[in-house]
């Protein structure tokens, strides 16, 4: 016989609650949509992001039409440009800015 720690349906326990009674010792943390191990620094903003997404979409469509090795390269570049525009982060730009300044 397997025993579970879940309460059976129909068993209700009464508890009193007070408004705003939450754990005061645990700070609220925000989760980032960026995967762990990557930087969440936004270094691509505004019109540059829009142009990255638009250019990436053009490269994707060109790669799909062309096919072959060059089509695959266009697909990869288009995907990278769309990713850059959607996340607002570009590792290459980060490295160039560190080197320049």
PDB file of N, CA and C in Angstrom:
ATOM      1  N   UNK A   1       0.841  -1.177   0.000  1.00  0.00           N
ATOM      2  CA  UNK A   1       0.000   0.000   0.000  1.00  0.00           C
ATOM      3  C   UNK A   1       0.889   1.244   0.000  1.00  0.00           C
ATOM      4  N   UNK A   2       0.598   2.184  -0.892  1.00  0.00           N
ATOM      5  CA  UNK A   2       1.378   3.404  -1.020  1.00  0.00           C
ATOM      6  C   UNK A   2       0.677   4.506  -0.246  1.00  0.00           C
ATOM      7  N   UNK A   3       1.426   5.212   0.560  1.00  0.00           N
ATOM      8  CA  UNK A   3       0.851   6.271   1.370  1.00  0.00           C
ATOM      9  C   UNK A   3       1.319   7.608   0.826  1.00  0.00           C
ATOM     10  N   UNK A   4       0.400   8.554   0.639  1.00  0.00           N
ATOM     11  CA  UNK A   4       0.754   9.874   0.129  1.00  0.00           C
ATOM     12  C   UNK A   4       0.535  10.908   1.209  1.00  0.00           C
ATOM     13  N   UNK A   5       1.190  12.034   1.062  1.00  0.00           N
ATOM     14  CA  UNK A   5       1.062  13.117   2.022  1.00  0.00           C
ATOM     15  C   UNK A   5       0.017  14.141   1.598  1.00  0.00           C
ATOM     16  N   UNK A   6      -0.709  13.876   0.547  1.00  0.00           N
ATOM     17  CA  UNK A   6      -1.710  14.806   0.061  1.00  0.00           C
ATOM     18  C   UNK A   6      -3.005  14.600   0.838  1.00  0.00           C
ATOM     19  N   UNK A   7      -3.686  15.692   1.204  1.00  0.00           N
ATOM     20  CA  UNK A   7      -4.957  15.539   1.899  1.00  0.00           C
ATOM     21  C   UNK A   7      -6.011  15.002   0.952  1.00  0.00           C
ATOM     22  N   UNK A   8      -6.908  14.224   1.484  1.00  0.00           N
ATOM     23  CA  UNK A   8      -7.975  13.674   0.674  1.00  0.00           C
ATOM     24  C   UNK A   8      -9.017  14.748   0.435  1.00  0.00           C
ATOM     25  N   UNK A   9      -9.716  14.634  -0.679  1.00  0.00           N
ATOM     26  CA  UNK A   9     -10.764  15.588  -0.978  1.00  0.00           C
ATOM     27  C   UNK A   9     -11.866  15.431   0.048  1.00  0.00           C
ATOM     28  N   UNK A  10     -12.427  16.535   0.446  1.00  0.00           N
ATOM     29  CA  UNK A  10     -13.486  16.501   1.435  1.00  0.00           C
ATOM     30  C   UNK A  10     -12.984  16.890   2.813  1.00  0.00           C
ATOM     31  N   UNK A  11     -11.720  16.716   3.091  1.00  0.00           N
ATOM     32  CA  UNK A  11     -11.154  17.128   4.369  1.00  0.00           C
ATOM     33  C   UNK A  11     -10.741  18.583   4.265  1.00  0.00           C
ATOM     34  N   UNK A  12     -11.392  19.442   4.997  1.00  0.00           N
ATOM     35  CA  UNK A  12     -11.108  20.866   4.952  1.00  0.00           C
ATOM     36  C   UNK A  12     -10.732  21.303   6.350  1.00  0.00           C
ATOM     37  N   UNK A  13      -9.637  22.007   6.452  1.00  0.00           N
ATOM     38  CA  UNK A  13      -9.243  22.543   7.746  1.00  0.00           C
ATOM     39  C   UNK A  13      -9.451  24.034   7.726  1.00  0.00           C
ATOM     40  N   UNK A  14      -9.960  24.565   8.793  1.00  0.00           N
ATOM     41  CA  UNK A  14     -10.225  25.994   8.887  1.00  0.00           C
ATOM     42  C   UNK A  14      -8.984  26.692   9.407  1.00  0.00           C
ATOM     43  N   UNK A  15      -8.608  27.742   8.719  1.00  0.00           N
ATOM     44  CA  UNK A  15      -7.486  28.551   9.183  1.00  0.00           C
ATOM     45  C   UNK A  15      -7.891  30.003   9.103  1.00  0.00           C
ATOM     46  N   UNK A  16      -7.360  30.782   9.984  1.00  0.00           N
ATOM     47  CA  UNK A  16      -7.663  32.207   9.942  1.00  0.00           C
ATOM     48  C   UNK A  16      -6.531  32.898   9.199  1.00  0.00           C
ATOM     49  N   UNK A  17      -6.916  33.866   8.402  1.00  0.00           N
ATOM     50  CA  UNK A  17      -5.917  34.611   7.655  1.00  0.00           C
ATOM     51  C   UNK A  17      -6.021  36.079   8.016  1.00  0.00           C
ATOM     52  N   UNK A  18      -4.904  36.737   7.986  1.00  0.00           N
ATOM     53  CA  UNK A  18      -4.890  38.171   8.213  1.00  0.00           C
ATOM     54  C   UNK A  18      -4.390  38.837   6.952  1.00  0.00           C
ATOM     55  N   UNK A  19      -4.919  39.993   6.615  1.00  0.00           N
ATOM     56  CA  UNK A  19      -4.471  40.670   5.399  1.00  0.00           C
ATOM     57  C   UNK A  19      -2.981  41.009   5.465  1.00  0.00           C
ATOM     58  N   UNK A  20      -2.326  40.888   4.351  1.00  0.00           N
ATOM     59  CA  UNK A  20      -0.905  41.217   4.221  1.00  0.00           C
ATOM     60  C   UNK A  20      -0.028  40.403   5.159  1.00  0.00           C
ATOM     61  N   UNK A  21      -0.442  39.202   5.473  1.00  0.00           N
ATOM     62  CA  UNK A  21       0.369  38.358   6.358  1.00  0.00           C
ATOM     63  C   UNK A  21       1.221  37.429   5.510  1.00  0.00           C
ATOM     64  N   UNK A  22       2.305  37.936   5.033  1.00  0.00           N
ATOM     65  CA  UNK A  22       3.215  37.135   4.221  1.00  0.00           C
ATOM     66  C   UNK A  22       4.538  37.020   4.935  1.00  0.00           C
ATOM     67  N   UNK A  23       5.415  36.196   4.423  1.00  0.00           N
ATOM     68  CA  UNK A  23       6.723  36.077   5.063  1.00  0.00           C
ATOM     69  C   UNK A  23       7.507  37.367   4.899  1.00  0.00           C
ATOM     70  N   UNK A  24       7.785  38.023   6.012  1.00  0.00           N
ATOM     71  CA  UNK A  24       8.462  39.312   5.977  1.00  0.00           C
ATOM     72  C   UNK A  24       9.965  39.169   5.818  1.00  0.00           C
ATOM     73  N   UNK A  25      10.489  37.992   6.058  1.00  0.00           N
ATOM     74  CA  UNK A  25      11.933  37.829   6.021  1.00  0.00           C
ATOM     75  C   UNK A  25      12.455  37.514   4.637  1.00  0.00           C
ATOM     76  N   UNK A  26      11.586  37.093   3.698  1.00  0.00           N
ATOM     77  CA  UNK A  26      12.038  36.747   2.363  1.00  0.00           C
ATOM     78  C   UNK A  26      11.820  37.919   1.418  1.00  0.00           C
ATOM     79  N   UNK A  27      12.888  38.466   0.852  1.00  0.00           N
ATOM     80  CA  UNK A  27      12.730  39.581  -0.080  1.00  0.00           C
ATOM     81  C   UNK A  27      12.123  39.093  -1.398  1.00  0.00           C
ATOM     82  N   UNK A  28      11.386  39.979  -2.032  1.00  0.00           N
ATOM     83  CA  UNK A  28      10.805  39.674  -3.328  1.00  0.00           C
ATOM     84  C   UNK A  28      11.910  39.719  -4.379  1.00  0.00           C
ATOM     85  N   UNK A  29      12.000  38.701  -5.179  1.00  0.00           N
ATOM     86  CA  UNK A  29      12.998  38.666  -6.243  1.00  0.00           C
ATOM     87  C   UNK A  29      12.301  38.601  -7.577  1.00  0.00           C
ATOM     88  N   UNK A  30      12.892  39.233  -8.556  1.00  0.00           N
ATOM     89  CA  UNK A  30      12.355  39.194  -9.905  1.00  0.00           C
ATOM     90  C   UNK A  30      13.148  38.175 -10.705  1.00  0.00           C
ATOM     91  N   UNK A  31      12.438  37.405 -11.492  1.00  0.00           N
ATOM     92  CA  UNK A  31      13.131  36.442 -12.339  1.00  0.00           C
ATOM     93  C   UNK A  31      13.372  37.063 -13.695  1.00  0.00           C
ATOM     94  N   UNK A  32      14.490  36.763 -14.252  1.00  0.00           N
ATOM     95  CA  UNK A  32      14.868  37.296 -15.552  1.00  0.00           C
ATOM     96  C   UNK A  32      14.492  36.314 -16.656  1.00  0.00           C
ATOM     97  N   UNK A  33      13.976  36.818 -17.795  1.00  0.00           N
ATOM     98  CA  UNK A  33      13.649  35.902 -18.884  1.00  0.00           C
ATOM     99  C   UNK A  33      14.876  35.359 -19.587  1.00  0.00           C
ATOM    100  N   UNK A  34      16.040  35.897 -19.268  1.00  0.00           N
ATOM    101  CA  UNK A  34      17.266  35.458 -19.907  1.00  0.00           C
ATOM    102  C   UNK A  34      17.749  34.200 -19.206  1.00  0.00           C
ATOM    103  N   UNK A  35      18.236  33.234 -19.949  1.00  0.00           N
ATOM    104  CA  UNK A  35      18.726  31.984 -19.389  1.00  0.00           C
ATOM    105  C   UNK A  35      19.929  32.249 -18.501  1.00  0.00           C
ATOM    106  N   UNK A  36      20.097  31.394 -17.487  1.00  0.00           N
ATOM    107  CA  UNK A  36      21.239  31.568 -16.600  1.00  0.00           C
ATOM    108  C   UNK A  36      22.527  31.308 -17.378  1.00  0.00           C
ATOM    109  N   UNK A  37      23.543  32.049 -17.026  1.00  0.00           N
ATOM    110  CA  UNK A  37      24.813  31.905 -17.715  1.00  0.00           C
ATOM    111  C   UNK A  37      25.003  32.944 -18.805  1.00  0.00           C
ATOM    112  N   UNK A  38      23.947  33.687 -19.122  1.00  0.00           N
ATOM    113  CA  UNK A  38      24.068  34.742 -20.116  1.00  0.00           C
ATOM    114  C   UNK A  38      23.857  36.079 -19.429  1.00  0.00           C
ATOM    115  N   UNK A  39      24.374  37.100 -20.012  1.00  0.00           N
ATOM    116  CA  UNK A  39      24.244  38.426 -19.446  1.00  0.00           C
ATOM    117  C   UNK A  39      22.882  39.003 -19.785  1.00  0.00           C
ATOM    118  N   UNK A  40      22.266  39.666 -18.826  1.00  0.00           N
ATOM    119  CA  UNK A  40      20.963  40.264 -19.065  1.00  0.00           C
ATOM    120  C   UNK A  40      21.101  41.756 -19.358  1.00  0.00           C
ATOM    121  N   UNK A  41      22.316  42.227 -19.547  1.00  0.00           N
ATOM    122  CA  UNK A  41      22.567  43.627 -19.818  1.00  0.00           C
ATOM    123  C   UNK A  41      21.996  44.014 -21.176  1.00  0.00           C
ATOM    124  N   UNK A  42      21.172  45.050 -21.194  1.00  0.00           N
ATOM    125  CA  UNK A  42      20.609  45.534 -22.455  1.00  0.00           C
ATOM    126  C   UNK A  42      21.543  46.608 -22.994  1.00  0.00           C
ATOM    127  N   UNK A  43      22.163  46.323 -24.123  1.00  0.00           N
ATOM    128  CA  UNK A  43      23.068  47.289 -24.730  1.00  0.00           C
ATOM    129  C   UNK A  43      22.664  47.645 -26.157  1.00  0.00           C
ATOM    130  N   UNK A  44      21.517  47.156 -26.597  1.00  0.00           N
ATOM    131  CA  UNK A  44      20.966  47.505 -27.903  1.00  0.00           C
ATOM    132  C   UNK A  44      19.585  48.089 -27.625  1.00  0.00           C
ATOM    133  N   UNK A  45      19.386  49.345 -27.975  1.00  0.00           N
ATOM    134  CA  UNK A  45      18.129  49.997 -27.628  1.00  0.00           C
ATOM    135  C   UNK A  45      17.500  50.695 -28.830  1.00  0.00           C
ATOM    136  N   UNK A  46      16.248  51.033 -28.678  1.00  0.00           N
ATOM    137  CA  UNK A  46      15.527  51.873 -29.620  1.00  0.00           C
ATOM    138  C   UNK A  46      15.497  51.386 -31.047  1.00  0.00           C
ATOM    139  N   UNK A  47      15.833  52.287 -31.936  1.00  0.00           N
ATOM    140  CA  UNK A  47      15.762  52.022 -33.373  1.00  0.00           C
ATOM    141  C   UNK A  47      16.717  50.909 -33.803  1.00  0.00           C
ATOM    142  N   UNK A  48      17.825  50.768 -33.093  1.00  0.00           N
ATOM    143  CA  UNK A  48      18.786  49.709 -33.418  1.00  0.00           C
ATOM    144  C   UNK A  48      18.151  48.326 -33.261  1.00  0.00           C
ATOM    145  N   UNK A  49      17.288  48.165 -32.259  1.00  0.00           N
ATOM    146  CA  UNK A  49      16.588  46.899 -32.062  1.00  0.00           C
ATOM    147  C   UNK A  49      15.587  46.646 -33.180  1.00  0.00           C
ATOM    148  N   UNK A  50      14.859  47.682 -33.568  1.00  0.00           N
ATOM    149  CA  UNK A  50      13.871  47.549 -34.644  1.00  0.00           C
ATOM    150  C   UNK A  50      14.560  47.158 -35.948  1.00  0.00           C
ATOM    151  N   UNK A  51      15.675  47.816 -36.230  1.00  0.00           N
ATOM    152  CA  UNK A  51      16.419  47.519 -37.454  1.00  0.00           C
ATOM    153  C   UNK A  51      16.987  46.103 -37.410  1.00  0.00           C
ATOM    154  N   UNK A  52      17.434  45.651 -36.238  1.00  0.00           N
ATOM    155  CA  UNK A  52      17.948  44.282 -36.114  1.00  0.00           C
ATOM    156  C   UNK A  52      16.865  43.251 -36.421  1.00  0.00           C
ATOM    157  N   UNK A  53      15.665  43.456 -35.885  1.00  0.00           N
ATOM    158  CA  UNK A  53      14.575  42.518 -36.132  1.00  0.00           C
ATOM    159  C   UNK A  53      14.168  42.535 -37.603  1.00  0.00           C
ATOM    160  N   UNK A  54      14.047  43.730 -38.183  1.00  0.00           N
ATOM    161  CA  UNK A  54      13.654  43.840 -39.592  1.00  0.00           C
ATOM    162  C   UNK A  54      14.718  43.239 -40.511  1.00  0.00           C
ATOM    163  N   UNK A  55      15.974  43.547 -40.252  1.00  0.00           N
ATOM    164  CA  UNK A  55      17.050  42.988 -41.056  1.00  0.00           C
ATOM    165  C   UNK A  55      17.150  41.474 -40.898  1.00  0.00           C
ATOM    166  N   UNK A  56      16.928  40.996 -39.690  1.00  0.00           N
ATOM    167  CA  UNK A  56      16.935  39.559 -39.450  1.00  0.00           C
ATOM    168  C   UNK A  56      15.825  38.849 -40.202  1.00  0.00           C
ATOM    169  N   UNK A  57      14.652  39.474 -40.247  1.00  0.00           N
ATOM    170  CA  UNK A  57      13.534  38.880 -40.984  1.00  0.00           C
ATOM    171  C   UNK A  57      13.848  38.818 -42.480  1.00  0.00           C
ATOM    172  N   UNK A  58      14.493  39.868 -43.000  1.00  0.00           N
ATOM    173  CA  UNK A  58      14.880  39.863 -44.418  1.00  0.00           C
ATOM    174  C   UNK A  58      15.913  38.767 -44.697  1.00  0.00           C
ATOM    175  N   UNK A  59      16.885  38.616 -43.807  1.00  0.00           N
ATOM    176  CA  UNK A  59      17.890  37.568 -43.992  1.00  0.00           C
ATOM    177  C   UNK A  59      17.273  36.177 -43.913  1.00  0.00           C
ATOM    178  N   UNK A  60      16.301  36.000 -43.010  1.00  0.00           N
ATOM    179  CA  UNK A  60      15.621  34.707 -42.917  1.00  0.00           C
ATOM    180  C   UNK A  60      14.886  34.378 -44.213  1.00  0.00           C
ATOM    181  N   UNK A  61      14.160  35.361 -44.744  1.00  0.00           N
ATOM    182  CA  UNK A  61      13.414  35.099 -45.981  1.00  0.00           C
ATOM    183  C   UNK A  61      14.361  34.847 -47.154  1.00  0.00           C
ATOM    184  N   UNK A  62      15.465  35.577 -47.200  1.00  0.00           N
ATOM    185  CA  UNK A  62      16.454  35.370 -48.253  1.00  0.00           C
ATOM    186  C   UNK A  62      17.064  33.969 -48.146  1.00  0.00           C
ATOM    187  N   UNK A  63      17.369  33.544 -46.930  1.00  0.00           N
ATOM    188  CA  UNK A  63      17.953  32.223 -46.728  1.00  0.00           C
ATOM    189  C   UNK A  63      16.996  31.109 -47.107  1.00  0.00           C
ATOM    190  N   UNK A  64      15.713  31.299 -46.829  1.00  0.00           N
ATOM    191  CA  UNK A  64      14.722  30.283 -47.191  1.00  0.00           C
ATOM    192  C   UNK A  64      14.569  30.171 -48.709  1.00  0.00           C
ATOM    193  N   UNK A  65      14.626  31.307 -49.397  1.00  0.00           N
ATOM    194  CA  UNK A  65      14.486  31.290 -50.859  1.00  0.00           C
ATOM    195  C   UNK A  65      15.727  30.740 -51.552  1.00  0.00           C
ATOM    196  N   UNK A  66      16.892  31.083 -51.026  1.00  0.00           N
ATOM    197  CA  UNK A  66      18.132  30.713 -51.697  1.00  0.00           C
ATOM    198  C   UNK A  66      18.477  29.228 -51.519  1.00  0.00           C
ATOM    199  N   UNK A  67      18.411  28.738 -50.297  1.00  0.00           N
ATOM    200  CA  UNK A  67      18.771  27.345 -50.041  1.00  0.00           C
ATOM    201  C   UNK A  67      20.274  27.136 -50.105  1.00  0.00           C
ATOM    202  N   UNK A  68      20.703  25.928 -49.927  1.00  0.00           N
ATOM    203  CA  UNK A  68      22.127  25.596 -49.993  1.00  0.00           C
ATOM    204  C   UNK A  68      22.901  26.144 -48.817  1.00  0.00           C
ATOM    205  N   UNK A  69      24.217  26.176 -48.969  1.00  0.00           N
ATOM    206  CA  UNK A  69      25.105  26.633 -47.900  1.00  0.00           C
ATOM    207  C   UNK A  69      24.917  28.117 -47.617  1.00  0.00           C
ATOM    208  N   UNK A  70      24.822  28.929 -48.661  1.00  0.00           N
ATOM    209  CA  UNK A  70      24.651  30.366 -48.451  1.00  0.00           C
ATOM    210  C   UNK A  70      23.285  30.688 -47.858  1.00  0.00           C
ATOM    211  N   UNK A  71      22.297  29.903 -48.200  1.00  0.00           N
ATOM    212  CA  UNK A  71      20.985  30.069 -47.586  1.00  0.00           C
ATOM    213  C   UNK A  71      21.023  29.747 -46.103  1.00  0.00           C
ATOM    214  N   UNK A  72      21.756  28.704 -45.748  1.00  0.00           N
ATOM    215  CA  UNK A  72      21.895  28.322 -44.352  1.00  0.00           C
ATOM    216  C   UNK A  72      22.633  29.401 -43.556  1.00  0.00           C
ATOM    217  N   UNK A  73      23.637  29.983 -44.165  1.00  0.00           N
ATOM    218  CA  UNK A  73      24.378  31.076 -43.517  1.00  0.00           C
ATOM    219  C   UNK A  73      23.461  32.277 -43.306  1.00  0.00           C
ATOM    220  N   UNK A  74      22.645  32.592 -44.317  1.00  0.00           N
ATOM    221  CA  UNK A  74      21.691  33.699 -44.184  1.00  0.00           C
ATOM    222  C   UNK A  74      20.671  33.416 -43.083  1.00  0.00           C
ATOM    223  N   UNK A  75      20.213  32.178 -42.990  1.00  0.00           N
ATOM    224  CA  UNK A  75      19.277  31.813 -41.927  1.00  0.00           C
ATOM    225  C   UNK A  75      19.901  32.018 -40.551  1.00  0.00           C
ATOM    226  N   UNK A  76      21.138  31.588 -40.392  1.00  0.00           N
ATOM    227  CA  UNK A  76      21.826  31.726 -39.104  1.00  0.00           C
ATOM    228  C   UNK A  76      22.022  33.197 -38.739  1.00  0.00           C
ATOM    229  N   UNK A  77      22.443  33.995 -39.705  1.00  0.00           N
ATOM    230  CA  UNK A  77      22.642  35.423 -39.447  1.00  0.00           C
ATOM    231  C   UNK A  77      21.320  36.121 -39.142  1.00  0.00           C
ATOM    232  N   UNK A  78      20.267  35.752 -39.859  1.00  0.00           N
ATOM    233  CA  UNK A  78      18.954  36.335 -39.610  1.00  0.00           C
ATOM    234  C   UNK A  78      18.433  35.980 -38.233  1.00  0.00           C
ATOM    235  N   UNK A  79      18.618  34.733 -37.839  1.00  0.00           N
ATOM    236  CA  UNK A  79      18.194  34.320 -36.506  1.00  0.00           C
ATOM    237  C   UNK A  79      18.947  35.061 -35.418  1.00  0.00           C
ATOM    238  N   UNK A  80      20.243  35.246 -35.610  1.00  0.00           N
ATOM    239  CA  UNK A  80      21.055  35.977 -34.631  1.00  0.00           C
ATOM    240  C   UNK A  80      20.619  37.444 -34.545  1.00  0.00           C
ATOM    241  N   UNK A  81      20.306  38.045 -35.689  1.00  0.00           N
ATOM    242  CA  UNK A  81      19.867  39.442 -35.696  1.00  0.00           C
ATOM    243  C   UNK A  81      18.512  39.599 -35.004  1.00  0.00           C
ATOM    244  N   UNK A  82      17.611  38.655 -35.241  1.00  0.00           N
ATOM    245  CA  UNK A  82      16.308  38.719 -34.573  1.00  0.00           C
ATOM    246  C   UNK A  82      16.475  38.530 -33.072  1.00  0.00           C
ATOM    247  N   UNK A  83      17.314  37.584 -32.672  1.00  0.00           N
ATOM    248  CA  UNK A  83      17.583  37.367 -31.251  1.00  0.00           C
ATOM    249  C   UNK A  83      18.147  38.638 -30.610  1.00  0.00           C
ATOM    250  N   UNK A  84      19.073  39.282 -31.302  1.00  0.00           N
ATOM    251  CA  UNK A  84      19.691  40.510 -30.810  1.00  0.00           C
ATOM    252  C   UNK A  84      18.649  41.607 -30.622  1.00  0.00           C
ATOM    253  N   UNK A  85      17.760  41.742 -31.592  1.00  0.00           N
ATOM    254  CA  UNK A  85      16.737  42.768 -31.497  1.00  0.00           C
ATOM    255  C   UNK A  85      15.690  42.479 -30.440  1.00  0.00           C
ATOM    256  N   UNK A  86      15.330  41.216 -30.287  1.00  0.00           N
ATOM    257  CA  UNK A  86      14.293  40.863 -29.321  1.00  0.00           C
ATOM    258  C   UNK A  86      14.794  40.934 -27.875  1.00  0.00           C
ATOM    259  N   UNK A  87      16.019  40.514 -27.625  1.00  0.00           N
ATOM    260  CA  UNK A  87      16.551  40.522 -26.262  1.00  0.00           C
ATOM    261  C   UNK A  87      17.180  41.850 -25.881  1.00  0.00           C
ATOM    262  N   UNK A  88      17.658  42.594 -26.865  1.00  0.00           N
ATOM    263  CA  UNK A  88      18.322  43.861 -26.578  1.00  0.00           C
ATOM    264  C   UNK A  88      19.752  43.688 -26.108  1.00  0.00           C
ATOM    265  N   UNK A  89      20.301  42.500 -26.287  1.00  0.00           N
ATOM    266  CA  UNK A  89      21.676  42.246 -25.854  1.00  0.00           C
ATOM    267  C   UNK A  89      22.500  41.723 -27.010  1.00  0.00           C
ATOM    268  N   UNK A  90      23.682  42.285 -27.171  1.00  0.00           N
ATOM    269  CA  UNK A  90      24.612  41.838 -28.201  1.00  0.00           C
ATOM    270  C   UNK A  90      25.991  41.683 -27.558  1.00  0.00           C
ATOM    271  N   UNK A  91      26.452  40.449 -27.495  1.00  0.00           N
ATOM    272  CA  UNK A  91      27.741  40.178 -26.866  1.00  0.00           C
ATOM    273  C   UNK A  91      28.885  40.825 -27.645  1.00  0.00           C
ATOM    274  N   UNK A  92      28.797  40.845 -28.977  1.00  0.00           N
ATOM    275  CA  UNK A  92      29.853  41.450 -29.789  1.00  0.00           C
ATOM    276  C   UNK A  92      29.951  42.956 -29.516  1.00  0.00           C
ATOM    277  N   UNK A  93      28.811  43.607 -29.410  1.00  0.00           N
ATOM    278  CA  UNK A  93      28.812  45.036 -29.117  1.00  0.00           C
ATOM    279  C   UNK A  93      29.396  45.301 -27.734  1.00  0.00           C
ATOM    280  N   UNK A  94      29.087  44.432 -26.775  1.00  0.00           N
ATOM    281  CA  UNK A  94      29.620  44.563 -25.425  1.00  0.00           C
ATOM    282  C   UNK A  94      31.138  44.480 -25.442  1.00  0.00           C
ATOM    283  N   UNK A  95      31.685  43.492 -26.184  1.00  0.00           N
ATOM    284  CA  UNK A  95      33.142  43.327 -26.264  1.00  0.00           C
ATOM    285  C   UNK A  95      33.794  44.522 -26.949  1.00  0.00           C
ATOM    286  N   UNK A  96      33.160  45.029 -28.014  1.00  0.00           N
ATOM    287  CA  UNK A  96      33.728  46.183 -28.722  1.00  0.00           C
ATOM    288  C   UNK A  96      33.733  47.432 -27.841  1.00  0.00           C
ATOM    289  N   UNK A  97      32.677  47.622 -27.068  1.00  0.00           N
ATOM    290  CA  UNK A  97      32.611  48.802 -26.193  1.00  0.00           C
ATOM    291  C   UNK A  97      33.654  48.702 -25.077  1.00  0.00           C
ATOM    292  N   UNK A  98      33.904  47.500 -24.569  1.00  0.00           N
ATOM    293  CA  UNK A  98      34.929  47.330 -23.544  1.00  0.00           C
ATOM    294  C   UNK A  98      36.311  47.617 -24.098  1.00  0.00           C
ATOM    295  N   UNK A  99      36.541  47.185 -25.337  1.00  0.00           N
ATOM    296  CA  UNK A  99      37.848  47.386 -25.957  1.00  0.00           C
ATOM    297  C   UNK A  99      38.105  48.853 -26.266  1.00  0.00           C
ATOM    298  N   UNK A 100      37.052  49.573 -26.677  1.00  0.00           N
ATOM    299  CA  UNK A 100      37.188  50.977 -27.045  1.00  0.00           C
ATOM    300  C   UNK A 100      37.275  51.906 -25.820  1.00  0.00           C
ATOM    301  N   UNK A 101      36.622  51.520 -24.757  1.00  0.00           N
ATOM    302  CA  UNK A 101      36.552  52.499 -23.690  1.00  0.00           C
ATOM    303  C   UNK A 101      36.850  51.987 -22.376  1.00  0.00           C
TER     304      UNK A 101
END
